[in-house]
Protein backbone atom coordinates (compact mmCIF):
# COMPACT_ATOMS: atom_id res chain seq x y z
CA MET A 1 194.41 -141.32 -131.77
CA THR A 2 193.92 -143.65 -134.70
CA THR A 3 190.78 -145.58 -135.41
CA GLN A 4 192.59 -148.80 -134.48
CA ASP A 5 193.59 -147.29 -131.12
CA LYS A 6 189.98 -146.37 -130.48
CA TRP A 7 188.81 -149.91 -131.32
CA ASP A 8 191.48 -151.42 -129.08
CA LYS A 9 190.39 -149.16 -126.22
CA GLU A 10 186.74 -150.13 -126.85
CA LYS A 11 187.65 -153.84 -126.75
CA ARG A 12 189.28 -153.37 -123.35
CA ARG A 13 186.13 -151.69 -122.09
CA ILE A 14 183.97 -154.54 -123.32
CA LYS A 15 186.00 -156.98 -121.24
CA ALA A 16 185.07 -155.15 -118.04
CA VAL A 17 182.44 -156.85 -115.89
CA GLN A 18 179.97 -154.89 -113.82
CA VAL A 19 179.79 -156.08 -110.23
CA ALA A 20 176.93 -155.17 -107.90
CA PHE A 21 177.31 -155.29 -104.12
CA ASP A 22 174.25 -155.93 -101.95
CA LEU A 23 175.60 -154.66 -98.63
CA GLY A 24 172.53 -153.23 -97.02
CA ASN A 25 171.09 -149.78 -96.76
CA GLU A 26 173.49 -148.37 -94.15
CA VAL A 27 176.67 -149.22 -96.09
CA ASN A 28 175.09 -148.10 -99.36
CA GLN A 29 174.06 -144.74 -97.90
CA GLN A 30 177.45 -144.17 -96.26
CA ILE A 31 179.35 -144.80 -99.50
CA ARG A 32 176.96 -142.56 -101.43
CA PHE A 33 177.34 -139.84 -98.80
CA GLU A 34 181.14 -140.05 -98.91
CA ALA A 35 181.06 -139.89 -102.71
CA LEU A 36 178.80 -136.85 -102.57
CA GLU A 37 181.11 -135.11 -100.10
CA GLN A 38 184.07 -135.77 -102.40
CA GLY A 39 182.22 -134.73 -105.55
CA ILE A 40 182.64 -138.14 -107.18
CA ASN A 41 180.22 -140.86 -108.18
CA PRO A 42 179.60 -143.84 -105.88
CA SER A 43 181.37 -146.23 -108.27
CA ASP A 44 184.56 -144.18 -108.02
CA ARG A 45 184.26 -144.13 -104.21
CA VAL A 46 183.98 -147.93 -104.19
CA ARG A 47 187.08 -148.10 -106.42
CA GLN A 48 188.93 -145.82 -103.97
CA ILE A 49 187.95 -147.98 -100.99
CA LEU A 50 189.11 -151.12 -102.81
CA GLY A 51 192.40 -149.46 -103.79
CA LEU A 52 191.63 -149.54 -107.52
CA PRO A 53 192.60 -146.78 -109.94
CA VAL A 54 190.04 -144.04 -110.42
CA SER A 55 189.69 -142.06 -113.64
CA ALA A 56 190.91 -138.50 -113.33
CA ARG A 57 188.21 -137.22 -115.67
CA PRO A 58 185.74 -134.87 -114.00
CA VAL A 59 182.29 -136.22 -113.27
CA ARG A 60 179.47 -134.49 -115.10
CA PRO A 61 177.16 -133.24 -112.38
CA ARG A 62 173.85 -134.54 -113.60
CA LEU A 63 170.84 -136.43 -112.40
CA SER A 64 169.23 -138.99 -114.63
CA ILE A 65 166.05 -141.02 -114.71
CA SER A 66 164.45 -143.27 -117.29
CA LEU A 67 161.16 -142.01 -118.67
CA SER A 68 158.68 -144.22 -120.49
CA GLU A 69 156.21 -143.03 -123.09
CA ALA A 70 153.59 -142.98 -120.34
CA ASP A 71 155.87 -140.84 -118.15
CA PHE A 72 156.32 -138.31 -120.97
CA ALA A 73 152.55 -138.26 -121.52
CA LEU A 74 151.91 -137.71 -117.81
CA LEU A 75 154.48 -134.90 -117.60
CA ALA A 76 153.11 -133.30 -120.76
CA VAL A 77 149.67 -133.11 -119.15
CA ARG A 78 151.11 -131.91 -115.84
CA PHE A 79 153.20 -129.22 -117.58
CA THR A 80 150.48 -128.41 -120.16
CA VAL A 81 152.71 -128.98 -123.17
CA VAL A 82 152.49 -131.21 -126.23
CA ALA A 83 153.61 -134.77 -125.43
CA ASP A 84 155.93 -134.84 -128.46
CA ASP A 85 157.87 -131.79 -127.24
CA ARG A 86 160.34 -133.77 -125.16
CA LEU A 87 162.86 -130.96 -125.06
CA LYS A 88 160.29 -128.65 -123.45
CA ILE A 89 159.29 -131.39 -121.01
CA ARG A 90 162.94 -131.88 -120.00
CA GLN A 91 163.38 -128.12 -119.62
CA ILE A 92 160.33 -127.73 -117.38
CA ALA A 93 161.32 -130.82 -115.37
CA ALA A 94 164.78 -129.31 -114.78
CA GLU A 95 163.16 -126.06 -113.66
CA LYS A 96 160.94 -128.03 -111.24
CA LEU A 97 164.02 -129.71 -109.74
CA VAL A 98 165.74 -126.36 -109.20
CA GLU A 99 162.52 -124.95 -107.76
CA HIS A 100 162.35 -127.92 -105.39
CA LEU A 101 165.88 -127.17 -104.18
CA HIS A 102 165.00 -123.54 -103.46
CA ASP A 103 161.76 -124.55 -101.72
CA SER A 104 163.59 -127.14 -99.60
CA ALA A 105 166.29 -124.68 -98.63
CA GLY A 106 163.63 -122.18 -97.60
CA ARG A 107 161.83 -124.74 -95.41
CA GLU A 108 165.08 -125.75 -93.72
CA ASN A 109 165.74 -122.13 -92.77
CA VAL A 110 162.26 -121.48 -91.31
CA GLY A 111 162.59 -120.63 -87.64
CA LYS A 112 166.38 -120.43 -87.72
CA LYS A 113 168.13 -117.30 -86.57
CA PRO A 114 170.01 -115.53 -89.35
CA THR A 115 173.77 -115.86 -89.19
CA LYS A 116 175.82 -112.77 -88.45
CA GLY A 117 175.92 -110.41 -91.41
CA THR A 118 172.86 -111.89 -93.14
CA GLU A 119 170.15 -109.96 -91.33
CA ASP A 120 168.02 -107.76 -93.58
């Protein structure tokens, strides 16, 4: 792909307009749930529902948040690391998210009978 092709493609992207739909919590949750079940992002699910083309590229499975300087400082204190070590803060935060998943899964299974073949 030539540089000109890349610029032309970028120009087409710039012409796109982001549209937000305020449809209420129930519709929003249902679309997000359907997207999650299909392993796609909510925007792609909306495009499917509207009959628009959806990119065939795989979705990177990631969670993202915006962190301010104050957020990094707070996490640095909470994780007992230097505030400037953002890579370490991100690493520990990722570990906390995985730990949360394991803790949540454990709580959901409390009191449930083990399924056949999983007894210890």
